[in-house]
């Protein structure tokens, strides 16, 4: 017996997507019509904000890389200290 529920779900999903895209297009049109700035000013504003975001990401990436290096160095130091302690303990046991 075929399951008609799958076809209904697909149709409903397509319908929801179509309504979403229609709403997005209407919203974008309204935003352009009621924008307080000219197109050139708006494009410059978007470009400036995009550049600020890129700069922020680059700064954060550098900070993350530096923090990773510091953690790696600390981990390596801990391993070296543990190896030294192990060697000292082995020498004590051997006498």
N, C-alpha and C. Protein backbone atom coordinates (compact mmCIF):
# COMPACT_ATOMS: atom_id res chain seq x y z
N UNK A 1 0.84 -1.17 0.00
CA UNK A 1 0.00 0.00 0.00
C UNK A 1 0.89 1.24 0.00
N UNK A 2 0.77 2.14 -0.98
CA UNK A 2 1.64 3.32 -1.05
C UNK A 2 1.35 4.30 0.07
N UNK A 3 2.40 4.95 0.51
CA UNK A 3 2.27 5.93 1.58
C UNK A 3 2.18 7.33 0.97
N UNK A 4 1.01 7.94 1.04
CA UNK A 4 0.79 9.25 0.44
C UNK A 4 1.31 10.37 1.33
N UNK A 5 1.68 10.04 2.53
CA UNK A 5 2.19 11.04 3.46
C UNK A 5 3.49 11.68 2.96
N UNK A 6 4.37 10.89 2.33
CA UNK A 6 5.64 11.41 1.82
C UNK A 6 5.41 12.47 0.75
N UNK A 7 4.46 12.21 -0.16
CA UNK A 7 4.17 13.18 -1.21
C UNK A 7 3.60 14.46 -0.62
N UNK A 8 2.76 14.36 0.37
CA UNK A 8 2.17 15.53 1.01
C UNK A 8 3.24 16.34 1.73
N UNK A 9 4.17 15.66 2.41
CA UNK A 9 5.25 16.35 3.10
C UNK A 9 6.14 17.11 2.11
N UNK A 10 6.45 16.50 0.97
CA UNK A 10 7.27 17.16 -0.04
C UNK A 10 6.55 18.38 -0.60
N UNK A 11 5.28 18.25 -0.88
CA UNK A 11 4.50 19.37 -1.41
C UNK A 11 4.43 20.49 -0.40
N UNK A 12 4.21 20.15 0.85
CA UNK A 12 4.14 21.16 1.92
C UNK A 12 5.49 21.85 2.07
N UNK A 13 6.59 21.09 2.01
CA UNK A 13 7.92 21.69 2.11
C UNK A 13 8.21 22.63 0.97
N UNK A 14 7.81 22.25 -0.24
CA UNK A 14 8.00 23.12 -1.40
C UNK A 14 7.16 24.38 -1.25
N UNK A 15 5.95 24.23 -0.76
CA UNK A 15 5.06 25.38 -0.56
C UNK A 15 5.65 26.33 0.49
N UNK A 16 6.16 25.78 1.57
CA UNK A 16 6.77 26.62 2.61
C UNK A 16 7.97 27.38 2.07
N UNK A 17 8.79 26.72 1.28
CA UNK A 17 9.95 27.37 0.68
C UNK A 17 9.52 28.49 -0.26
N UNK A 18 8.49 28.24 -1.06
CA UNK A 18 8.00 29.26 -1.99
C UNK A 18 7.49 30.47 -1.22
N UNK A 19 6.77 30.25 -0.13
CA UNK A 19 6.26 31.37 0.67
C UNK A 19 7.40 32.14 1.33
N UNK A 20 8.41 31.40 1.80
CA UNK A 20 9.56 32.05 2.41
C UNK A 20 10.27 32.94 1.39
N UNK A 21 10.54 32.40 0.21
CA UNK A 21 11.22 33.18 -0.82
C UNK A 21 10.40 34.39 -1.26
N UNK A 22 9.09 34.23 -1.35
CA UNK A 22 8.22 35.35 -1.69
C UNK A 22 8.30 36.43 -0.62
N UNK A 23 8.26 36.04 0.64
CA UNK A 23 8.36 37.00 1.74
C UNK A 23 9.71 37.71 1.75
N UNK A 24 10.78 36.95 1.46
CA UNK A 24 12.11 37.55 1.41
C UNK A 24 12.20 38.58 0.29
N UNK A 25 11.63 38.27 -0.86
CA UNK A 25 11.65 39.21 -1.99
C UNK A 25 10.85 40.46 -1.66
N UNK A 26 9.69 40.31 -1.05
CA UNK A 26 8.87 41.46 -0.66
C UNK A 26 9.61 42.30 0.38
N UNK A 27 10.23 41.65 1.34
CA UNK A 27 10.98 42.38 2.36
C UNK A 27 12.17 43.14 1.78
N UNK A 28 12.90 42.52 0.86
CA UNK A 28 14.04 43.18 0.23
C UNK A 28 13.58 44.38 -0.58
N UNK A 29 12.46 44.23 -1.29
CA UNK A 29 11.92 45.35 -2.08
C UNK A 29 11.51 46.50 -1.18
N UNK A 30 10.83 46.19 -0.09
CA UNK A 30 10.40 47.23 0.85
C UNK A 30 11.62 47.92 1.47
N UNK A 31 12.64 47.15 1.79
CA UNK A 31 13.85 47.74 2.38
C UNK A 31 14.51 48.70 1.40
N UNK A 32 14.56 48.33 0.14
CA UNK A 32 15.16 49.22 -0.86
C UNK A 32 14.34 50.48 -1.07
N UNK A 33 13.02 50.34 -1.06
CA UNK A 33 12.15 51.50 -1.29
C UNK A 33 12.20 52.49 -0.13
N UNK A 34 12.33 51.99 1.08
CA UNK A 34 12.28 52.85 2.26
C UNK A 34 13.66 53.11 2.87
N UNK A 35 14.71 52.76 2.16
CA UNK A 35 16.07 52.97 2.68
C UNK A 35 16.35 54.46 2.83
N UNK A 36 16.94 54.87 3.96
CA UNK A 36 17.19 56.29 4.18
C UNK A 36 18.40 56.83 3.40
N UNK A 37 19.18 55.95 2.82
CA UNK A 37 20.39 56.37 2.12
C UNK A 37 20.27 56.00 0.64
N UNK A 38 21.11 56.64 -0.16
CA UNK A 38 21.14 56.30 -1.58
C UNK A 38 21.80 54.94 -1.76
N UNK A 39 21.68 54.41 -2.97
CA UNK A 39 22.29 53.11 -3.25
C UNK A 39 23.79 53.14 -3.06
N UNK A 40 24.43 54.22 -3.51
CA UNK A 40 25.88 54.33 -3.38
C UNK A 40 26.29 54.36 -1.91
N UNK A 41 25.57 55.14 -1.10
CA UNK A 41 25.88 55.22 0.33
C UNK A 41 25.64 53.87 1.01
N UNK A 42 24.57 53.20 0.63
CA UNK A 42 24.24 51.90 1.21
C UNK A 42 25.32 50.87 0.86
N UNK A 43 25.75 50.86 -0.41
CA UNK A 43 26.81 49.94 -0.81
C UNK A 43 28.10 50.23 -0.06
N UNK A 44 28.43 51.50 0.13
CA UNK A 44 29.63 51.86 0.88
C UNK A 44 29.53 51.42 2.34
N UNK A 45 28.33 51.60 2.92
CA UNK A 45 28.09 51.18 4.30
C UNK A 45 28.29 49.66 4.43
N UNK A 46 27.73 48.91 3.49
CA UNK A 46 27.85 47.46 3.52
C UNK A 46 29.32 47.05 3.35
N UNK A 47 30.03 47.73 2.42
CA UNK A 47 31.44 47.42 2.21
C UNK A 47 32.25 47.70 3.47
N UNK A 48 31.97 48.84 4.13
CA UNK A 48 32.70 49.18 5.36
C UNK A 48 32.45 48.15 6.46
N UNK A 49 31.19 47.77 6.64
CA UNK A 49 30.86 46.79 7.68
C UNK A 49 31.48 45.43 7.37
N UNK A 50 31.49 45.07 6.09
CA UNK A 50 32.11 43.80 5.70
C UNK A 50 33.60 43.82 6.01
N UNK A 51 34.26 44.94 5.71
CA UNK A 51 35.70 45.05 5.99
C UNK A 51 35.95 45.00 7.49
N UNK A 52 35.10 45.66 8.28
CA UNK A 52 35.25 45.61 9.73
C UNK A 52 35.12 44.18 10.23
N UNK A 53 34.17 43.44 9.67
CA UNK A 53 33.97 42.05 10.07
C UNK A 53 35.19 41.21 9.71
N UNK A 54 35.73 41.44 8.51
CA UNK A 54 36.92 40.70 8.10
C UNK A 54 38.09 41.00 9.03
N UNK A 55 38.27 42.28 9.37
CA UNK A 55 39.35 42.65 10.27
C UNK A 55 39.18 41.99 11.63
N UNK A 56 37.95 41.97 12.12
CA UNK A 56 37.67 41.35 13.42
C UNK A 56 37.98 39.86 13.38
N UNK A 57 37.61 39.20 12.28
CA UNK A 57 37.87 37.77 12.15
C UNK A 57 39.38 37.51 12.09
N UNK A 58 40.11 38.35 11.34
CA UNK A 58 41.56 38.18 11.26
C UNK A 58 42.21 38.35 12.63
N UNK A 59 41.76 39.36 13.38
CA UNK A 59 42.29 39.59 14.73
C UNK A 59 41.99 38.40 15.63
N UNK A 60 40.74 37.93 15.58
CA UNK A 60 40.35 36.80 16.42
C UNK A 60 41.12 35.55 16.02
N UNK A 61 41.32 35.36 14.71
CA UNK A 61 42.07 34.19 14.25
C UNK A 61 43.50 34.22 14.77
N UNK A 62 44.11 35.41 14.71
CA UNK A 62 45.48 35.53 15.23
C UNK A 62 45.54 35.24 16.71
N UNK A 63 44.55 35.74 17.46
CA UNK A 63 44.50 35.48 18.90
C UNK A 63 44.33 33.99 19.18
N UNK A 64 43.50 33.34 18.40
CA UNK A 64 43.26 31.91 18.60
C UNK A 64 44.52 31.11 18.29
N UNK A 65 45.20 31.48 17.22
CA UNK A 65 46.45 30.78 16.87
C UNK A 65 47.49 30.96 17.97
N UNK A 66 47.61 32.19 18.46
CA UNK A 66 48.58 32.46 19.53
C UNK A 66 48.24 31.67 20.79
N UNK A 67 46.95 31.63 21.14
CA UNK A 67 46.54 30.87 22.32
C UNK A 67 46.83 29.38 22.12
N UNK A 68 46.61 28.89 20.91
CA UNK A 68 46.92 27.49 20.61
C UNK A 68 48.39 27.18 20.77
N UNK A 69 49.22 28.09 20.29
CA UNK A 69 50.67 27.90 20.44
C UNK A 69 51.08 27.88 21.91
N UNK A 70 50.51 28.80 22.68
CA UNK A 70 50.83 28.84 24.11
C UNK A 70 50.41 27.55 24.80
N UNK A 71 49.24 27.05 24.48
CA UNK A 71 48.77 25.78 25.07
C UNK A 71 49.68 24.64 24.67
N UNK A 72 50.08 24.62 23.40
CA UNK A 72 50.98 23.56 22.93
C UNK A 72 52.30 23.61 23.69
N UNK A 73 52.84 24.80 23.85
CA UNK A 73 54.11 24.95 24.59
C UNK A 73 53.95 24.50 26.04
N UNK A 74 52.85 24.87 26.67
CA UNK A 74 52.61 24.43 28.05
C UNK A 74 52.49 22.91 28.13
N UNK A 75 51.78 22.34 27.17
CA UNK A 75 51.63 20.88 27.15
C UNK A 75 52.96 20.19 26.98
N UNK A 76 53.79 20.73 26.06
CA UNK A 76 55.11 20.14 25.85
C UNK A 76 55.95 20.24 27.13
N UNK A 77 55.88 21.36 27.82
CA UNK A 77 56.62 21.55 29.07
C UNK A 77 56.14 20.54 30.12
N UNK A 78 54.83 20.33 30.21
CA UNK A 78 54.30 19.34 31.15
C UNK A 78 54.80 17.94 30.84
N UNK A 79 54.84 17.60 29.56
CA UNK A 79 55.32 16.28 29.16
C UNK A 79 56.80 16.13 29.53
N UNK A 80 57.58 17.16 29.27
CA UNK A 80 59.00 17.11 29.63
C UNK A 80 59.18 16.97 31.13
N UNK A 81 58.41 17.73 31.92
CA UNK A 81 58.49 17.64 33.38
C UNK A 81 58.09 16.25 33.86
N UNK A 82 57.04 15.69 33.25
CA UNK A 82 56.59 14.36 33.64
C UNK A 82 57.67 13.32 33.31
N UNK A 83 58.32 13.48 32.16
CA UNK A 83 59.39 12.54 31.79
C UNK A 83 60.55 12.65 32.77
N UNK A 84 60.89 13.86 33.18
CA UNK A 84 61.97 14.05 34.16
C UNK A 84 61.61 13.40 35.50
N UNK A 85 60.38 13.61 35.95
CA UNK A 85 59.94 13.00 37.20
C UNK A 85 59.97 11.47 37.11
N UNK A 86 59.57 10.95 35.97
CA UNK A 86 59.57 9.50 35.77
C UNK A 86 61.00 8.96 35.86
N UNK A 87 61.92 9.66 35.19
CA UNK A 87 63.33 9.23 35.24
C UNK A 87 63.88 9.29 36.66
N UNK A 88 63.56 10.35 37.38
CA UNK A 88 64.03 10.47 38.77
C UNK A 88 63.45 9.36 39.62
N UNK A 89 62.17 9.06 39.42
CA UNK A 89 61.55 7.97 40.19
C UNK A 89 62.17 6.63 39.87
N UNK A 90 62.49 6.40 38.59
CA UNK A 90 63.13 5.14 38.21
C UNK A 90 64.51 5.01 38.82
N UNK A 91 65.25 6.11 38.87
CA UNK A 91 66.59 6.09 39.47
C UNK A 91 66.51 5.83 40.97
N UNK A 92 65.48 6.40 41.63
CA UNK A 92 65.31 6.16 43.06
C UNK A 92 64.98 4.70 43.34
N UNK A 93 64.15 4.12 42.49
CA UNK A 93 63.77 2.71 42.70
C UNK A 93 64.96 1.80 42.49
N UNK A 94 65.77 2.08 41.46
CA UNK A 94 66.95 1.25 41.18
C UNK A 94 68.00 1.39 42.25
N UNK A 95 68.03 2.55 42.89
CA UNK A 95 68.95 2.72 43.99
C UNK A 95 70.19 3.33 43.61
